[in-house]
Amino acid sequence: MKYEEFERIYQEYYLKILTFIHKRVPDLYEAEELTGDVFLSFYRNMDSYDEEKGSIATWLYAITANRLKNYYRDKKTHYSLEILKQQTIPREKMPEEIVVKIMREETLRKSLEQLSDREREILLGRFYYQKSSTELGRQMNLSPGNVRMIQKRALEKLRMIMEKQGE
């Protein structure tokens, strides 16, 4: 494929790809950057295009989908269970209270590890980092209602896990 062919494809598909991305990435600047990445990837690999495997449009949208997936993965905020270990215990507490608190925190940490990554991220995001359902939904590409539903189910699951452990 020659440069003239790339230019024709770019002219034909740029706005379509930009619109597709911008519907998924609200920031126009980021959408333009991602669109540029898509066409750069297309340009670098256009010699490997095989029309028997699909049309140019199919190939471009596959590149776009992969770029969006990488964008969301890279942008995703991960909440670590290590944050629970960093809490400090006030000095004025009695030794028995400190031991009980440490045991409860350890039980909670182990119980959270049994949840899925998504469930754990939602619970830590909501209750430890005080994020709203809307904020978490934006970060995780979920609706706020879906975040609340996953949160409710994860809390029920966490309660059952902790009951089995005697908490």
C-alpha atoms as a PDB file:
ATOM      1  CA  MET A   1       0.000   0.000   0.000  1.00  0.00           C
ATOM      2  CA  LYS A   2       1.421   3.357  -0.970  1.00  0.00           C
ATOM      3  CA  TYR A   3       1.371   6.664   0.838  1.00  0.00           C
ATOM      4  CA  GLU A   4      -1.347   8.005  -1.487  1.00  0.00           C
ATOM      5  CA  GLU A   5      -3.566   5.080  -0.498  1.00  0.00           C
ATOM      6  CA  PHE A   6      -2.946   5.794   3.191  1.00  0.00           C
ATOM      7  CA  GLU A   7      -3.828   9.448   2.666  1.00  0.00           C
ATOM      8  CA  ARG A   8      -7.095   8.488   0.959  1.00  0.00           C
ATOM      9  CA  ILE A   9      -7.990   6.100   3.811  1.00  0.00           C
ATOM     10  CA  TYR A  10      -7.044   8.728   6.384  1.00  0.00           C
ATOM     11  CA  GLN A  11      -9.291  11.322   4.709  1.00  0.00           C
ATOM     12  CA  GLU A  12     -12.161   8.859   4.469  1.00  0.00           C
ATOM     13  CA  TYR A  13     -12.003   7.433   8.002  1.00  0.00           C
ATOM     14  CA  TYR A  14     -10.454  10.072  10.263  1.00  0.00           C
ATOM     15  CA  LEU A  15     -13.712  11.736  11.270  1.00  0.00           C
ATOM     16  CA  LYS A  16     -15.498   8.380  11.668  1.00  0.00           C
ATOM     17  CA  ILE A  17     -12.776   7.022  13.953  1.00  0.00           C
ATOM     18  CA  LEU A  18     -12.581  10.293  15.910  1.00  0.00           C
ATOM     19  CA  THR A  19     -16.352  10.279  16.423  1.00  0.00           C
ATOM     20  CA  PHE A  20     -16.278   6.626  17.494  1.00  0.00           C
ATOM     21  CA  ILE A  21     -13.538   7.323  20.060  1.00  0.00           C
ATOM     22  CA  HIS A  22     -15.034  10.618  21.251  1.00  0.00           C
ATOM     23  CA  LYS A  23     -18.279   8.828  22.172  1.00  0.00           C
ATOM     24  CA  ARG A  24     -16.215   6.703  24.540  1.00  0.00           C
ATOM     25  CA  VAL A  25     -13.671   9.308  25.674  1.00  0.00           C
ATOM     26  CA  PRO A  26     -15.357  12.614  26.541  1.00  0.00           C
ATOM     27  CA  ASP A  27     -12.193  14.740  26.383  1.00  0.00           C
ATOM     28  CA  LEU A  28     -11.808  15.850  22.750  1.00  0.00           C
ATOM     29  CA  TYR A  29      -8.056  16.354  23.110  1.00  0.00           C
ATOM     30  CA  GLU A  30      -7.592  12.779  24.335  1.00  0.00           C
ATOM     31  CA  ALA A  31      -9.927  11.492  21.604  1.00  0.00           C
ATOM     32  CA  GLU A  32      -7.814  13.265  18.971  1.00  0.00           C
ATOM     33  CA  GLU A  33      -4.619  11.824  20.485  1.00  0.00           C
ATOM     34  CA  LEU A  34      -6.077   8.326  20.437  1.00  0.00           C
ATOM     35  CA  THR A  35      -7.255   8.776  16.841  1.00  0.00           C
ATOM     36  CA  GLY A  36      -3.732   9.812  15.901  1.00  0.00           C
ATOM     37  CA  ASP A  37      -2.394   6.690  17.627  1.00  0.00           C
ATOM     38  CA  VAL A  38      -4.819   4.531  15.635  1.00  0.00           C
ATOM     39  CA  PHE A  39      -3.703   5.969  12.302  1.00  0.00           C
ATOM     40  CA  LEU A  40      -0.038   5.809  13.282  1.00  0.00           C
ATOM     41  CA  SER A  41      -0.451   2.119  14.090  1.00  0.00           C
ATOM     42  CA  PHE A  42      -2.337   1.615  10.837  1.00  0.00           C
ATOM     43  CA  TYR A  43       0.398   3.391   8.864  1.00  0.00           C
ATOM     44  CA  ARG A  44       3.186   1.382  10.495  1.00  0.00           C
ATOM     45  CA  ASN A  45       1.426  -1.916   9.750  1.00  0.00           C
ATOM     46  CA  MET A  46      -0.383  -1.197   6.494  1.00  0.00           C
ATOM     47  CA  ASP A  47       1.944  -3.464   4.518  1.00  0.00           C
ATOM     48  CA  SER A  48       0.647  -6.420   6.528  1.00  0.00           C
ATOM     49  CA  TYR A  49      -3.001  -5.677   5.636  1.00  0.00           C
ATOM     50  CA  ASP A  50      -4.680  -8.684   4.017  1.00  0.00           C
ATOM     51  CA  GLU A  51      -7.990  -7.866   2.342  1.00  0.00           C
ATOM     52  CA  GLU A  52      -9.016 -11.532   2.525  1.00  0.00           C
ATOM     53  CA  LYS A  53      -9.233 -11.195   6.320  1.00  0.00           C
ATOM     54  CA  GLY A  54     -11.537  -8.178   6.202  1.00  0.00           C
ATOM     55  CA  SER A  55     -12.089  -4.695   4.910  1.00  0.00           C
ATOM     56  CA  ILE A  56      -9.954  -1.662   5.726  1.00  0.00           C
ATOM     57  CA  ALA A  57     -12.786  -0.374   7.923  1.00  0.00           C
ATOM     58  CA  THR A  58     -12.845  -3.627   9.905  1.00  0.00           C
ATOM     59  CA  TRP A  59      -9.102  -3.459  10.407  1.00  0.00           C
ATOM     60  CA  LEU A  60      -9.221   0.201  11.459  1.00  0.00           C
ATOM     61  CA  TYR A  61     -11.991  -0.433  13.970  1.00  0.00           C
ATOM     62  CA  ALA A  62     -10.099  -3.428  15.375  1.00  0.00           C
ATOM     63  CA  ILE A  63      -7.050  -1.193  15.884  1.00  0.00           C
ATOM     64  CA  THR A  64      -9.339   1.414  17.450  1.00  0.00           C
ATOM     65  CA  ALA A  65     -10.928  -1.103  19.830  1.00  0.00           C
ATOM     66  CA  ASN A  66      -7.500  -2.334  20.927  1.00  0.00           C
ATOM     67  CA  ARG A  67      -6.256   1.214  21.466  1.00  0.00           C
ATOM     68  CA  LEU A  68      -9.335   2.060  23.564  1.00  0.00           C
ATOM     69  CA  LYS A  69      -8.892  -1.109  25.610  1.00  0.00           C
ATOM     70  CA  ASN A  70      -5.273  -0.147  26.321  1.00  0.00           C
ATOM     71  CA  TYR A  71      -6.338   3.419  27.124  1.00  0.00           C
ATOM     72  CA  TYR A  72      -8.895   2.267  29.704  1.00  0.00           C
ATOM     73  CA  ARG A  73      -6.491  -0.285  31.173  1.00  0.00           C
ATOM     74  CA  ASP A  74      -3.731   2.328  31.540  1.00  0.00           C
ATOM     75  CA  LYS A  75      -6.122   4.917  32.975  1.00  0.00           C
ATOM     76  CA  LYS A  76      -7.753   2.549  35.443  1.00  0.00           C
ATOM     77  CA  THR A  77      -7.110   3.347  39.086  1.00  0.00           C
ATOM     78  CA  HIS A  78      -6.055   0.327  41.085  1.00  0.00           C
ATOM     79  CA  TYR A  79      -6.707   0.239  44.790  1.00  0.00           C
ATOM     80  CA  SER A  80      -4.297  -1.869  46.752  1.00  0.00           C
ATOM     81  CA  LEU A  81      -5.015  -3.847  49.886  1.00  0.00           C
ATOM     82  CA  GLU A  82      -1.614  -2.678  51.141  1.00  0.00           C
ATOM     83  CA  ILE A  83      -3.277   0.591  52.188  1.00  0.00           C
ATOM     84  CA  LEU A  84      -5.082  -1.321  54.943  1.00  0.00           C
ATOM     85  CA  LYS A  85      -1.737  -2.365  56.437  1.00  0.00           C
ATOM     86  CA  GLN A  86      -0.525   1.236  56.636  1.00  0.00           C
ATOM     87  CA  GLN A  87      -3.113   2.397  59.146  1.00  0.00           C
ATOM     88  CA  THR A  88      -1.735   3.521  62.459  1.00  0.00           C
ATOM     89  CA  ILE A  89      -3.213   2.520  65.798  1.00  0.00           C
ATOM     90  CA  PRO A  90      -3.568   5.276  68.404  1.00  0.00           C
ATOM     91  CA  ARG A  91      -1.158   4.851  71.342  1.00  0.00           C
ATOM     92  CA  GLU A  92      -3.845   5.412  73.989  1.00  0.00           C
ATOM     93  CA  LYS A  93      -5.583   2.104  73.222  1.00  0.00           C
ATOM     94  CA  MET A  94      -5.160  -0.877  75.505  1.00  0.00           C
ATOM     95  CA  PRO A  95      -2.991  -3.761  74.221  1.00  0.00           C
ATOM     96  CA  GLU A  96      -6.035  -6.072  74.007  1.00  0.00           C
ATOM     97  CA  GLU A  97      -7.879  -3.535  71.845  1.00  0.00           C
ATOM     98  CA  ILE A  98      -4.853  -3.194  69.582  1.00  0.00           C
ATOM     99  CA  VAL A  99      -4.625  -6.976  69.109  1.00  0.00           C
ATOM    100  CA  VAL A 100      -8.362  -7.235  68.362  1.00  0.00           C
ATOM    101  CA  LYS A 101      -8.125  -4.337  65.879  1.00  0.00           C
ATOM    102  CA  ILE A 102      -5.135  -5.922  64.104  1.00  0.00           C
ATOM    103  CA  MET A 103      -6.917  -9.297  63.920  1.00  0.00           C
ATOM    104  CA  ARG A 104     -10.070  -7.690  62.490  1.00  0.00           C
ATOM    105  CA  GLU A 105      -8.077  -5.766  59.898  1.00  0.00           C
ATOM    106  CA  GLU A 106      -6.234  -8.941  58.904  1.00  0.00           C
ATOM    107  CA  THR A 107      -9.528 -10.849  58.627  1.00  0.00           C
ATOM    108  CA  LEU A 108     -10.976  -8.044  56.514  1.00  0.00           C
ATOM    109  CA  ARG A 109      -7.900  -7.968  54.253  1.00  0.00           C
ATOM    110  CA  LYS A 110      -7.984 -11.740  53.747  1.00  0.00           C
ATOM    111  CA  SER A 111     -11.719 -11.622  53.090  1.00  0.00           C
ATOM    112  CA  LEU A 112     -11.312  -8.832  50.527  1.00  0.00           C
ATOM    113  CA  GLU A 113      -8.684 -10.933  48.742  1.00  0.00           C
ATOM    114  CA  GLN A 114     -11.386 -13.533  48.078  1.00  0.00           C
ATOM    115  CA  LEU A 115     -13.481 -11.052  46.095  1.00  0.00           C
ATOM    116  CA  SER A 116     -12.968 -10.402  42.399  1.00  0.00           C
ATOM    117  CA  ASP A 117     -10.713  -7.502  41.410  1.00  0.00           C
ATOM    118  CA  ARG A 118     -13.730  -5.477  40.302  1.00  0.00           C
ATOM    119  CA  GLU A 119     -15.640  -6.089  43.551  1.00  0.00           C
ATOM    120  CA  ARG A 120     -12.575  -5.244  45.648  1.00  0.00           C
ATOM    121  CA  GLU A 121     -11.874  -2.057  43.668  1.00  0.00           C
ATOM    122  CA  ILE A 122     -15.452  -0.884  44.094  1.00  0.00           C
ATOM    123  CA  LEU A 123     -15.536  -1.552  47.851  1.00  0.00           C
ATOM    124  CA  LEU A 124     -12.156   0.049  48.496  1.00  0.00           C
ATOM    125  CA  GLY A 125     -13.005   2.956  46.210  1.00  0.00           C
ATOM    126  CA  ARG A 126     -16.345   3.609  47.892  1.00  0.00           C
ATOM    127  CA  PHE A 127     -15.501   3.025  51.547  1.00  0.00           C
ATOM    128  CA  TYR A 128     -11.797   3.700  51.908  1.00  0.00           C
ATOM    129  CA  TYR A 129     -11.215   6.371  49.268  1.00  0.00           C
ATOM    130  CA  GLN A 130     -14.729   7.864  49.615  1.00  0.00           C
ATOM    131  CA  LYS A 131     -15.355   7.886  45.832  1.00  0.00           C
ATOM    132  CA  SER A 132     -18.894   8.293  44.542  1.00  0.00           C
ATOM    133  CA  SER A 133     -20.609   5.701  42.367  1.00  0.00           C
ATOM    134  CA  THR A 134     -20.356   8.157  39.485  1.00  0.00           C
ATOM    135  CA  GLU A 135     -16.591   8.627  39.922  1.00  0.00           C
ATOM    136  CA  LEU A 136     -15.975   4.886  40.151  1.00  0.00           C
ATOM    137  CA  GLY A 137     -18.252   4.281  37.177  1.00  0.00           C
ATOM    138  CA  ARG A 138     -16.228   6.706  35.079  1.00  0.00           C
ATOM    139  CA  GLN A 139     -12.945   5.080  36.133  1.00  0.00           C
ATOM    140  CA  MET A 140     -14.192   1.558  35.514  1.00  0.00           C
ATOM    141  CA  ASN A 141     -16.363   2.256  32.468  1.00  0.00           C
ATOM    142  CA  LEU A 142     -19.554   1.264  34.331  1.00  0.00           C
ATOM    143  CA  SER A 143     -22.803   3.073  35.015  1.00  0.00           C
ATOM    144  CA  PRO A 144     -23.279   4.407  38.575  1.00  0.00           C
ATOM    145  CA  GLY A 145     -26.224   2.007  38.967  1.00  0.00           C
ATOM    146  CA  ASN A 146     -24.032  -0.920  37.973  1.00  0.00           C
ATOM    147  CA  VAL A 147     -21.400   0.204  40.501  1.00  0.00           C
ATOM    148  CA  ARG A 148     -24.043   0.271  43.260  1.00  0.00           C
ATOM    149  CA  MET A 149     -25.348  -3.175  42.261  1.00  0.00           C
ATOM    150  CA  ILE A 150     -21.827  -4.682  42.279  1.00  0.00           C
ATOM    151  CA  GLN A 151     -21.162  -2.936  45.612  1.00  0.00           C
ATOM    152  CA  LYS A 152     -24.312  -4.414  47.171  1.00  0.00           C
ATOM    153  CA  ARG A 153     -23.491  -7.933  45.976  1.00  0.00           C
ATOM    154  CA  ALA A 154     -19.846  -7.600  47.024  1.00  0.00           C
ATOM    155  CA  LEU A 155     -20.869  -6.489  50.528  1.00  0.00           C
ATOM    156  CA  GLU A 156     -23.186  -9.487  50.831  1.00  0.00           C
ATOM    157  CA  LYS A 157     -20.417 -11.783  49.625  1.00  0.00           C
ATOM    158  CA  LEU A 158     -17.909 -10.164  52.021  1.00  0.00           C
ATOM    159  CA  ARG A 159     -20.329 -10.569  54.938  1.00  0.00           C
ATOM    160  CA  MET A 160     -20.745 -14.286  54.146  1.00  0.00           C
ATOM    161  CA  ILE A 161     -16.976 -14.789  53.874  1.00  0.00           C
ATOM    162  CA  MET A 162     -16.368 -13.058  57.187  1.00  0.00           C
ATOM    163  CA  GLU A 163     -19.166 -15.010  58.903  1.00  0.00           C
ATOM    164  CA  LYS A 164     -17.447 -18.248  57.817  1.00  0.00           C
ATOM    165  CA  GLN A 165     -14.247 -16.949  59.424  1.00  0.00           C
ATOM    166  CA  GLY A 166     -16.054 -16.206  62.692  1.00  0.00           C
ATOM    167  CA  GLU A 167     -16.159 -12.405  62.460  1.00  0.00           C
END
